[in-house]
Amino acid sequence: MSAVTKSAPAAETARPLLAVNNIEVIYDHVILVLKGVSLSVPEKGIVALLGANGAGKTTTLKAISNLLRAERGEVTKGSIEFNGRQVDRLTPNDLVKLGVIQVMEGRHCFGHLTVEENLLTGAFTRKDGRGAISKDLEMVYHYFPRLKERRSSQAGYTSGGEQQMTAIGRALMSRPSMILLDEPSMGLAPQLVEAIFETVRRLNDQEGVTFLLAEQNTNIALKYAKYGYILENGRVVMDGDASQLSANEDVKEFYLGLSSAGRKSYRDVKHYKRRKRWLA
């Protein structure tokens, strides 16, 4: 009798590059913002963190990048591991040296510096010499040719799209293995949003950069991500492959404004109905 081949148990699957394990975040010692959030990001993956404004997306990214303390927040429970190492007690600077960097919401640039000077600030932790830095600067200009045209312009006088490109390019100059990208579509025209996400995909495919992106624009995020998590009120209420989430009726109805009956207004949907279906 032939032997039966068994599939490998979950414990034997590849270790994720980033693992967030049941974390809680409290601000000012009293305000509970994240309530047991867990997620994982595979190496060279694109994972979307979705949800409405105030759901906890930015707080999750700042918990990973260790920027909470500047806002009187802290991770009080759970753990965060990057490449098998617990990192939730490291400084943001040490985390950048390990290969994790966050692109903040709002396209934060040094307005008085030129575009190229902004990009070069991203390389301040590097010790590999001018030649390597110059090579990576040309790599950034390859992915964002508009920045090469504007390299001598003060960043404060560039467009919103150019500032978003500058912010991502500055992150790339640190030679990261993972970028935490917060609301890249905010305030940008649809064509620019598409261009930004297309560049994210190219960087993932061609440079092997892993992305965890927080985004309210569920439609564009699920188009480019491979996996997604949906946050509500500091909890993960749904997760799955991007294609499965895009096809899910709840996601269509509450985040894309679509249902099997056609487009709906959010005002027509009872909040308790959503909570009952997802969390019952």
C-alpha atoms as a PDB file:
ATOM      1  CA  MET A   1       0.000   0.000   0.000  1.00  0.00           C
ATOM      2  CA  SER A   2       1.421   3.373  -0.997  1.00  0.00           C
ATOM      3  CA  ALA A   3       2.241   5.931   1.661  1.00  0.00           C
ATOM      4  CA  VAL A   4      -0.054   8.911   2.128  1.00  0.00           C
ATOM      5  CA  THR A   5       1.675  12.234   1.601  1.00  0.00           C
ATOM      6  CA  LYS A   6       0.747  14.803   4.230  1.00  0.00           C
ATOM      7  CA  SER A   7       0.884  18.525   3.721  1.00  0.00           C
ATOM      8  CA  ALA A   8       3.347  20.464   5.874  1.00  0.00           C
ATOM      9  CA  PRO A   9       1.858  21.866   9.079  1.00  0.00           C
ATOM     10  CA  ALA A  10       1.515  25.608   9.483  1.00  0.00           C
ATOM     11  CA  ALA A  11       4.438  25.703  11.922  1.00  0.00           C
ATOM     12  CA  GLU A  12       6.771  24.624   9.109  1.00  0.00           C
ATOM     13  CA  THR A  13       5.859  27.424   6.733  1.00  0.00           C
ATOM     14  CA  ALA A  14       8.459  30.095   6.004  1.00  0.00           C
ATOM     15  CA  ARG A  15       9.062  32.640   8.729  1.00  0.00           C
ATOM     16  CA  PRO A  16       7.654  36.092   7.844  1.00  0.00           C
ATOM     17  CA  LEU A  17       9.998  39.050   7.498  1.00  0.00           C
ATOM     18  CA  LEU A  18       7.786  41.052   9.872  1.00  0.00           C
ATOM     19  CA  ALA A  19       5.580  39.539  12.564  1.00  0.00           C
ATOM     20  CA  VAL A  20       3.329  41.676  14.774  1.00  0.00           C
ATOM     21  CA  ASN A  21       2.040  39.506  17.600  1.00  0.00           C
ATOM     22  CA  ASN A  22      -1.078  40.553  19.519  1.00  0.00           C
ATOM     23  CA  ILE A  23       0.078  44.081  20.339  1.00  0.00           C
ATOM     24  CA  GLU A  24      -1.755  46.641  22.426  1.00  0.00           C
ATOM     25  CA  VAL A  25      -0.908  50.347  22.247  1.00  0.00           C
ATOM     26  CA  ILE A  26      -1.788  52.909  24.885  1.00  0.00           C
ATOM     27  CA  TYR A  27      -1.386  56.686  24.647  1.00  0.00           C
ATOM     28  CA  ASP A  28      -0.866  58.845  27.733  1.00  0.00           C
ATOM     29  CA  HIS A  29      -1.085  55.707  29.931  1.00  0.00           C
ATOM     30  CA  VAL A  30      -4.886  55.602  29.606  1.00  0.00           C
ATOM     31  CA  ILE A  31      -6.081  55.634  25.966  1.00  0.00           C
ATOM     32  CA  LEU A  32      -6.189  52.139  24.473  1.00  0.00           C
ATOM     33  CA  VAL A  33      -5.802  52.490  20.701  1.00  0.00           C
ATOM     34  CA  LEU A  34      -4.735  49.053  19.426  1.00  0.00           C
ATOM     35  CA  LYS A  35      -6.426  46.027  20.963  1.00  0.00           C
ATOM     36  CA  GLY A  36      -4.557  42.847  20.133  1.00  0.00           C
ATOM     37  CA  VAL A  37      -3.404  43.506  16.558  1.00  0.00           C
ATOM     38  CA  SER A  38      -1.542  40.685  14.813  1.00  0.00           C
ATOM     39  CA  LEU A  39      -0.251  40.625  11.256  1.00  0.00           C
ATOM     40  CA  SER A  40       2.622  39.248   9.227  1.00  0.00           C
ATOM     41  CA  VAL A  41       4.434  40.403   6.114  1.00  0.00           C
ATOM     42  CA  PRO A  42       6.395  37.927   3.978  1.00  0.00           C
ATOM     43  CA  GLU A  43       9.756  38.832   2.504  1.00  0.00           C
ATOM     44  CA  LYS A  44       9.358  40.683  -0.818  1.00  0.00           C
ATOM     45  CA  GLY A  45       5.602  40.962  -0.262  1.00  0.00           C
ATOM     46  CA  ILE A  46       3.182  43.872  -0.515  1.00  0.00           C
ATOM     47  CA  VAL A  47       0.664  43.866   2.322  1.00  0.00           C
ATOM     48  CA  ALA A  48      -2.110  46.436   2.745  1.00  0.00           C
ATOM     49  CA  LEU A  49      -3.408  47.691   6.076  1.00  0.00           C
ATOM     50  CA  LEU A  50      -6.894  48.998   5.378  1.00  0.00           C
ATOM     51  CA  GLY A  51      -9.572  50.838   7.272  1.00  0.00           C
ATOM     52  CA  ALA A  52     -11.312  54.146   7.776  1.00  0.00           C
ATOM     53  CA  ASN A  53      -9.716  57.209   9.337  1.00  0.00           C
ATOM     54  CA  GLY A  54      -9.074  56.527  13.020  1.00  0.00           C
ATOM     55  CA  ALA A  55      -9.095  52.739  12.687  1.00  0.00           C
ATOM     56  CA  GLY A  56      -5.500  52.432  13.947  1.00  0.00           C
ATOM     57  CA  LYS A  57      -3.507  52.086  10.728  1.00  0.00           C
ATOM     58  CA  THR A  58      -0.986  54.858  11.417  1.00  0.00           C
ATOM     59  CA  THR A  59      -0.615  53.785  15.048  1.00  0.00           C
ATOM     60  CA  THR A  60       0.214  50.257  13.877  1.00  0.00           C
ATOM     61  CA  LEU A  61       2.933  51.538  11.551  1.00  0.00           C
ATOM     62  CA  LYS A  62       4.378  53.793  14.260  1.00  0.00           C
ATOM     63  CA  ALA A  63       4.380  50.882  16.700  1.00  0.00           C
ATOM     64  CA  ILE A  64       6.476  48.913  14.195  1.00  0.00           C
ATOM     65  CA  SER A  65       8.858  51.820  13.450  1.00  0.00           C
ATOM     66  CA  ASN A  66       9.142  52.755  17.150  1.00  0.00           C
ATOM     67  CA  LEU A  67       7.913  56.324  16.648  1.00  0.00           C
ATOM     68  CA  LEU A  68       5.183  56.081  19.301  1.00  0.00           C
ATOM     69  CA  ARG A  69       7.249  57.429  22.159  1.00  0.00           C
ATOM     70  CA  ALA A  70       7.479  60.848  20.540  1.00  0.00           C
ATOM     71  CA  GLU A  71       3.682  60.997  20.842  1.00  0.00           C
ATOM     72  CA  ARG A  72       3.482  59.597  24.401  1.00  0.00           C
ATOM     73  CA  GLY A  73       2.420  56.184  23.165  1.00  0.00           C
ATOM     74  CA  GLU A  74       3.823  52.751  23.927  1.00  0.00           C
ATOM     75  CA  VAL A  75       3.357  49.092  23.108  1.00  0.00           C
ATOM     76  CA  THR A  76       2.138  47.613  26.394  1.00  0.00           C
ATOM     77  CA  LYS A  77       1.471  44.020  25.308  1.00  0.00           C
ATOM     78  CA  GLY A  78       2.590  41.667  22.557  1.00  0.00           C
ATOM     79  CA  SER A  79       5.763  41.742  20.485  1.00  0.00           C
ATOM     80  CA  ILE A  80       7.103  42.871  17.117  1.00  0.00           C
ATOM     81  CA  GLU A  81       9.720  40.805  15.287  1.00  0.00           C
ATOM     82  CA  PHE A  82      11.693  41.692  12.184  1.00  0.00           C
ATOM     83  CA  ASN A  83      13.691  38.978  10.475  1.00  0.00           C
ATOM     84  CA  GLY A  84      13.367  36.812  13.570  1.00  0.00           C
ATOM     85  CA  ARG A  85      14.568  39.492  16.003  1.00  0.00           C
ATOM     86  CA  GLN A  86      12.373  41.292  18.534  1.00  0.00           C
ATOM     87  CA  VAL A  87      12.593  44.989  17.674  1.00  0.00           C
ATOM     88  CA  ASP A  88       9.884  46.785  19.646  1.00  0.00           C
ATOM     89  CA  ARG A  89      12.451  48.144  22.135  1.00  0.00           C
ATOM     90  CA  LEU A  90      14.940  49.436  19.573  1.00  0.00           C
ATOM     91  CA  THR A  91      15.352  53.089  18.685  1.00  0.00           C
ATOM     92  CA  PRO A  92      13.988  54.257  15.306  1.00  0.00           C
ATOM     93  CA  ASN A  93      17.574  54.889  14.199  1.00  0.00           C
ATOM     94  CA  ASP A  94      18.631  51.333  15.031  1.00  0.00           C
ATOM     95  CA  LEU A  95      15.598  49.994  13.179  1.00  0.00           C
ATOM     96  CA  VAL A  96      16.542  51.954  10.054  1.00  0.00           C
ATOM     97  CA  LYS A  97      19.994  50.366  10.237  1.00  0.00           C
ATOM     98  CA  LEU A  98      18.295  46.956  10.310  1.00  0.00           C
ATOM     99  CA  GLY A  99      16.386  47.841   7.132  1.00  0.00           C
ATOM    100  CA  VAL A 100      12.969  49.128   8.236  1.00  0.00           C
ATOM    101  CA  ILE A 101      11.912  52.708   7.494  1.00  0.00           C
ATOM    102  CA  GLN A 102       8.596  54.535   7.557  1.00  0.00           C
ATOM    103  CA  VAL A 103       7.339  57.063   5.005  1.00  0.00           C
ATOM    104  CA  MET A 104       5.092  59.277   7.085  1.00  0.00           C
ATOM    105  CA  GLU A 105       1.595  60.352   6.157  1.00  0.00           C
ATOM    106  CA  GLY A 106       1.518  63.864   4.717  1.00  0.00           C
ATOM    107  CA  ARG A 107       4.659  63.782   2.536  1.00  0.00           C
ATOM    108  CA  HIS A 108       7.060  65.214   5.126  1.00  0.00           C
ATOM    109  CA  CYS A 109       9.945  66.875   3.315  1.00  0.00           C
ATOM    110  CA  PHE A 110      12.488  69.487   4.341  1.00  0.00           C
ATOM    111  CA  GLY A 111      10.929  72.390   2.493  1.00  0.00           C
ATOM    112  CA  HIS A 112      14.043  74.616   2.542  1.00  0.00           C
ATOM    113  CA  LEU A 113      16.257  71.895   1.046  1.00  0.00           C
ATOM    114  CA  THR A 114      16.379  70.911  -2.616  1.00  0.00           C
ATOM    115  CA  VAL A 115      14.860  67.666  -3.820  1.00  0.00           C
ATOM    116  CA  GLU A 116      18.314  66.093  -4.115  1.00  0.00           C
ATOM    117  CA  GLU A 117      19.372  67.291  -0.663  1.00  0.00           C
ATOM    118  CA  ASN A 118      16.199  65.720   0.735  1.00  0.00           C
ATOM    119  CA  LEU A 119      17.060  62.439  -0.951  1.00  0.00           C
ATOM    120  CA  LEU A 120      20.597  62.474   0.411  1.00  0.00           C
ATOM    121  CA  THR A 121      19.354  62.905   3.986  1.00  0.00           C
ATOM    122  CA  GLY A 122      18.006  59.365   3.661  1.00  0.00           C
ATOM    123  CA  ALA A 123      21.558  58.036   3.456  1.00  0.00           C
ATOM    124  CA  PHE A 124      22.823  59.534   6.719  1.00  0.00           C
ATOM    125  CA  THR A 125      23.037  56.146   8.497  1.00  0.00           C
ATOM    126  CA  ARG A 126      25.071  54.531   5.718  1.00  0.00           C
ATOM    127  CA  LYS A 127      28.796  53.806   5.912  1.00  0.00           C
ATOM    128  CA  ASP A 128      29.401  52.396   2.426  1.00  0.00           C
ATOM    129  CA  GLY A 129      30.896  55.465   0.769  1.00  0.00           C
ATOM    130  CA  ARG A 130      29.968  58.121  -1.770  1.00  0.00           C
ATOM    131  CA  GLY A 131      30.131  55.794  -4.746  1.00  0.00           C
ATOM    132  CA  ALA A 132      27.396  53.499  -3.428  1.00  0.00           C
ATOM    133  CA  ILE A 133      25.265  56.472  -2.384  1.00  0.00           C
ATOM    134  CA  SER A 134      25.613  58.073  -5.829  1.00  0.00           C
ATOM    135  CA  LYS A 135      24.626  54.798  -7.458  1.00  0.00           C
ATOM    136  CA  ASP A 136      21.476  54.586  -5.332  1.00  0.00           C
ATOM    137  CA  LEU A 137      20.665  58.225  -6.073  1.00  0.00           C
ATOM    138  CA  GLU A 138      20.643  57.366  -9.771  1.00  0.00           C
ATOM    139  CA  MET A 139      18.443  54.352  -8.951  1.00  0.00           C
ATOM    140  CA  VAL A 140      15.914  56.690  -7.307  1.00  0.00           C
ATOM    141  CA  TYR A 141      15.998  58.956 -10.358  1.00  0.00           C
ATOM    142  CA  HIS A 142      15.421  55.902 -12.549  1.00  0.00           C
ATOM    143  CA  TYR A 143      12.186  55.099 -10.729  1.00  0.00           C
ATOM    144  CA  PHE A 144      11.176  58.743 -10.324  1.00  0.00           C
ATOM    145  CA  PRO A 145      12.466  60.586 -13.427  1.00  0.00           C
ATOM    146  CA  ARG A 146      10.446  63.649 -12.475  1.00  0.00           C
ATOM    147  CA  LEU A 147      12.674  64.073  -9.424  1.00  0.00           C
ATOM    148  CA  LYS A 148      15.763  64.234 -11.628  1.00  0.00           C
ATOM    149  CA  GLU A 149      14.174  67.114 -13.508  1.00  0.00           C
ATOM    150  CA  ARG A 150      13.398  68.848 -10.201  1.00  0.00           C
ATOM    151  CA  ARG A 151      16.580  67.866  -8.347  1.00  0.00           C
ATOM    152  CA  SER A 152      17.668  71.502  -7.802  1.00  0.00           C
ATOM    153  CA  SER A 153      14.236  72.836  -6.816  1.00  0.00           C
ATOM    154  CA  GLN A 154      13.357  73.552  -3.207  1.00  0.00           C
ATOM    155  CA  ALA A 155      11.116  70.716  -2.023  1.00  0.00           C
ATOM    156  CA  GLY A 156       8.677  73.159  -0.440  1.00  0.00           C
ATOM    157  CA  TYR A 157       7.853  74.552  -3.876  1.00  0.00           C
ATOM    158  CA  THR A 158       7.212  71.233  -5.588  1.00  0.00           C
ATOM    159  CA  SER A 159       3.817  69.613  -6.149  1.00  0.00           C
ATOM    160  CA  GLY A 160       2.164  67.152  -3.786  1.00  0.00           C
ATOM    161  CA  GLY A 161       2.989  64.265  -6.095  1.00  0.00           C
ATOM    162  CA  GLU A 162       6.635  65.318  -6.348  1.00  0.00           C
ATOM    163  CA  GLN A 163       6.858  65.582  -2.561  1.00  0.00           C
ATOM    164  CA  GLN A 164       5.434  62.070  -2.194  1.00  0.00           C
ATOM    165  CA  MET A 165       8.017  60.798  -4.676  1.00  0.00           C
ATOM    166  CA  THR A 166      10.723  62.625  -2.721  1.00  0.00           C
ATOM    167  CA  ALA A 167       9.587  61.061   0.552  1.00  0.00           C
ATOM    168  CA  ILE A 168       9.650  57.550  -0.934  1.00  0.00           C
ATOM    169  CA  GLY A 169      12.953  58.213  -2.685  1.00  0.00           C
ATOM    170  CA  ARG A 170      14.498  59.443   0.570  1.00  0.00           C
ATOM    171  CA  ALA A 171      13.418  56.191   2.235  1.00  0.00           C
ATOM    172  CA  LEU A 172      15.006  54.199  -0.591  1.00  0.00           C
ATOM    173  CA  MET A 173      18.312  55.967   0.003  1.00  0.00           C
ATOM    174  CA  SER A 174      18.602  54.164   3.352  1.00  0.00           C
ATOM    175  CA  ARG A 175      18.713  50.863   1.426  1.00  0.00           C
ATOM    176  CA  PRO A 176      15.726  49.368   3.249  1.00  0.00           C
ATOM    177  CA  SER A 177      14.497  45.824   2.978  1.00  0.00           C
ATOM    178  CA  MET A 178      11.063  47.004   4.180  1.00  0.00           C
ATOM    179  CA  ILE A 179       9.186  50.295   3.772  1.00  0.00           C
ATOM    180  CA  LEU A 180       6.191  51.210   5.924  1.00  0.00           C
ATOM    181  CA  LEU A 181       4.169  53.469   3.628  1.00  0.00           C
ATOM    182  CA  ASP A 182       1.456  55.562   5.280  1.00  0.00           C
ATOM    183  CA  GLU A 183      -1.451  56.861   3.151  1.00  0.00           C
ATOM    184  CA  PRO A 184       0.487  57.379  -0.102  1.00  0.00           C
ATOM    185  CA  SER A 185      -2.672  58.365  -2.008  1.00  0.00           C
ATOM    186  CA  MET A 186      -3.750  61.151   0.350  1.00  0.00           C
ATOM    187  CA  GLY A 187      -4.468  64.404  -1.459  1.00  0.00           C
ATOM    188  CA  LEU A 188      -3.223  63.224  -4.847  1.00  0.00           C
ATOM    189  CA  ALA A 189      -5.012  63.115  -8.190  1.00  0.00           C
ATOM    190  CA  PRO A 190      -6.057  59.621  -9.359  1.00  0.00           C
ATOM    191  CA  GLN A 191      -3.446  59.501 -12.137  1.00  0.00           C
ATOM    192  CA  LEU A 192      -0.663  60.333  -9.670  1.00  0.00           C
ATOM    193  CA  VAL A 193      -1.947  57.737  -7.222  1.00  0.00           C
ATOM    194  CA  GLU A 194      -1.806  55.098  -9.939  1.00  0.00           C
ATOM    195  CA  ALA A 195       1.736  56.166 -10.841  1.00  0.00           C
ATOM    196  CA  ILE A 196       2.908  55.996  -7.216  1.00  0.00           C
ATOM    197  CA  PHE A 197       1.470  52.511  -6.717  1.00  0.00           C
ATOM    198  CA  GLU A 198       2.881  51.324 -10.034  1.00  0.00           C
ATOM    199  CA  THR A 199       6.316  52.423  -8.837  1.00  0.00           C
ATOM    200  CA  VAL A 200       5.760  50.557  -5.568  1.00  0.00           C
ATOM    201  CA  ARG A 201       5.073  47.424  -7.588  1.00  0.00           C
ATOM    202  CA  ARG A 202       8.204  47.923  -9.701  1.00  0.00           C
ATOM    203  CA  LEU A 203      10.353  48.450  -6.609  1.00  0.00           C
ATOM    204  CA  ASN A 204       8.904  45.270  -5.155  1.00  0.00           C
ATOM    205  CA  ASP A 205       9.456  43.263  -8.340  1.00  0.00           C
ATOM    206  CA  GLN A 206      12.825  44.651  -9.421  1.00  0.00           C
ATOM    207  CA  GLU A 207      14.528  45.686  -6.167  1.00  0.00           C
ATOM    208  CA  GLY A 208      12.931  43.185  -3.783  1.00  0.00           C
ATOM    209  CA  VAL A 209      11.672  45.865  -1.385  1.00  0.00           C
ATOM    210  CA  THR A 210       8.952  44.642   0.983  1.00  0.00           C
ATOM    211  CA  PHE A 211       6.029  47.003   1.607  1.00  0.00           C
ATOM    212  CA  LEU A 212       3.479  47.334   4.382  1.00  0.00           C
ATOM    213  CA  LEU A 213       1.177  50.138   3.316  1.00  0.00           C
ATOM    214  CA  ALA A 214      -1.616  51.787   5.274  1.00  0.00           C
ATOM    215  CA  GLU A 215      -4.322  53.095   2.975  1.00  0.00           C
ATOM    216  CA  GLN A 216      -7.906  54.337   3.059  1.00  0.00           C
ATOM    217  CA  ASN A 217      -8.242  53.884  -0.697  1.00  0.00           C
ATOM    218  CA  THR A 218      -9.127  50.198  -0.505  1.00  0.00           C
ATOM    219  CA  ASN A 219      -9.666  49.835  -4.235  1.00  0.00           C
ATOM    220  CA  ILE A 220      -6.154  50.910  -5.278  1.00  0.00           C
ATOM    221  CA  ALA A 221      -4.488  49.158  -2.334  1.00  0.00           C
ATOM    222  CA  LEU A 222      -6.061  45.778  -3.114  1.00  0.00           C
ATOM    223  CA  LYS A 223      -5.157  46.176  -6.780  1.00  0.00           C
ATOM    224  CA  TYR A 224      -1.450  46.249  -5.969  1.00  0.00           C
ATOM    225  CA  ALA A 225      -1.158  44.369  -2.656  1.00  0.00           C
ATOM    226  CA  LYS A 226      -0.944  40.602  -2.375  1.00  0.00           C
ATOM    227  CA  TYR A 227      -2.551  40.352   1.057  1.00  0.00           C
ATOM    228  CA  GLY A 228      -4.624  42.673   3.214  1.00  0.00           C
ATOM    229  CA  TYR A 229      -5.772  43.320   6.771  1.00  0.00           C
ATOM    230  CA  ILE A 230      -8.810  45.443   7.621  1.00  0.00           C
ATOM    231  CA  LEU A 231      -8.753  47.375  10.890  1.00  0.00           C
ATOM    232  CA  GLU A 232     -11.725  48.743  12.786  1.00  0.00           C
ATOM    233  CA  ASN A 233     -11.485  50.490  16.128  1.00  0.00           C
ATOM    234  CA  GLY A 234      -8.014  49.135  16.792  1.00  0.00           C
ATOM    235  CA  ARG A 235      -8.763  45.510  15.909  1.00  0.00           C
ATOM    236  CA  VAL A 236      -8.194  43.349  12.841  1.00  0.00           C
ATOM    237  CA  VAL A 237     -11.692  42.365  11.730  1.00  0.00           C
ATOM    238  CA  MET A 238     -10.812  40.660   8.433  1.00  0.00           C
ATOM    239  CA  ASP A 239      -7.766  39.528   6.500  1.00  0.00           C
ATOM    240  CA  GLY A 240      -7.029  37.512   3.393  1.00  0.00           C
ATOM    241  CA  ASP A 241      -5.547  37.459  -0.092  1.00  0.00           C
ATOM    242  CA  ALA A 242      -6.118  40.744  -1.892  1.00  0.00           C
ATOM    243  CA  SER A 243      -8.204  39.043  -4.580  1.00  0.00           C
ATOM    244  CA  GLN A 244     -10.433  37.420  -1.948  1.00  0.00           C
ATOM    245  CA  LEU A 245     -10.953  40.698  -0.103  1.00  0.00           C
ATOM    246  CA  SER A 246     -11.769  42.490  -3.366  1.00  0.00           C
ATOM    247  CA  ALA A 247     -14.442  39.876  -4.087  1.00  0.00           C
ATOM    248  CA  ASN A 248     -15.874  39.887  -0.544  1.00  0.00           C
ATOM    249  CA  GLU A 249     -19.382  41.355  -0.389  1.00  0.00           C
ATOM    250  CA  ASP A 250     -18.757  43.084   2.952  1.00  0.00           C
ATOM    251  CA  VAL A 251     -15.613  44.771   1.650  1.00  0.00           C
ATOM    252  CA  LYS A 252     -17.396  45.792  -1.540  1.00  0.00           C
ATOM    253  CA  GLU A 253     -20.297  47.246   0.393  1.00  0.00           C
ATOM    254  CA  PHE A 254     -18.512  49.053   3.190  1.00  0.00           C
ATOM    255  CA  TYR A 255     -15.177  50.064   1.686  1.00  0.00           C
ATOM    256  CA  LEU A 256     -15.722  50.189  -2.072  1.00  0.00           C
ATOM    257  CA  GLY A 257     -19.314  51.464  -1.917  1.00  0.00           C
ATOM    258  CA  LEU A 258     -20.494  48.513  -3.982  1.00  0.00           C
ATOM    259  CA  SER A 259     -22.710  45.517  -3.362  1.00  0.00           C
ATOM    260  CA  SER A 260     -24.476  42.884  -5.401  1.00  0.00           C
ATOM    261  CA  ALA A 261     -27.336  45.373  -5.640  1.00  0.00           C
ATOM    262  CA  GLY A 262     -25.082  48.104  -6.987  1.00  0.00           C
ATOM    263  CA  ARG A 263     -23.525  51.221  -5.460  1.00  0.00           C
ATOM    264  CA  LYS A 264     -24.653  52.237  -1.993  1.00  0.00           C
ATOM    265  CA  SER A 265     -24.230  55.273   0.190  1.00  0.00           C
ATOM    266  CA  TYR A 266     -22.396  54.666   3.470  1.00  0.00           C
ATOM    267  CA  ARG A 267     -25.259  56.522   5.170  1.00  0.00           C
ATOM    268  CA  ASP A 268     -27.617  53.728   4.189  1.00  0.00           C
ATOM    269  CA  VAL A 269     -25.656  51.107   6.118  1.00  0.00           C
ATOM    270  CA  LYS A 270     -26.179  50.479   9.836  1.00  0.00           C
ATOM    271  CA  HIS A 271     -22.889  50.313  11.714  1.00  0.00           C
ATOM    272  CA  TYR A 272     -24.137  47.655  14.110  1.00  0.00           C
ATOM    273  CA  LYS A 273     -25.025  45.451  11.134  1.00  0.00           C
ATOM    274  CA  ARG A 274     -21.423  45.521   9.952  1.00  0.00           C
ATOM    275  CA  ARG A 275     -20.073  44.740  13.421  1.00  0.00           C
ATOM    276  CA  LYS A 276     -22.549  41.894  13.851  1.00  0.00           C
ATOM    277  CA  ARG A 277     -21.623  40.250  10.564  1.00  0.00           C
ATOM    278  CA  TRP A 278     -17.857  40.577  10.973  1.00  0.00           C
ATOM    279  CA  LEU A 279     -17.359  40.019  14.668  1.00  0.00           C
ATOM    280  CA  ALA A 280     -20.205  37.666  15.640  1.00  0.00           C
END
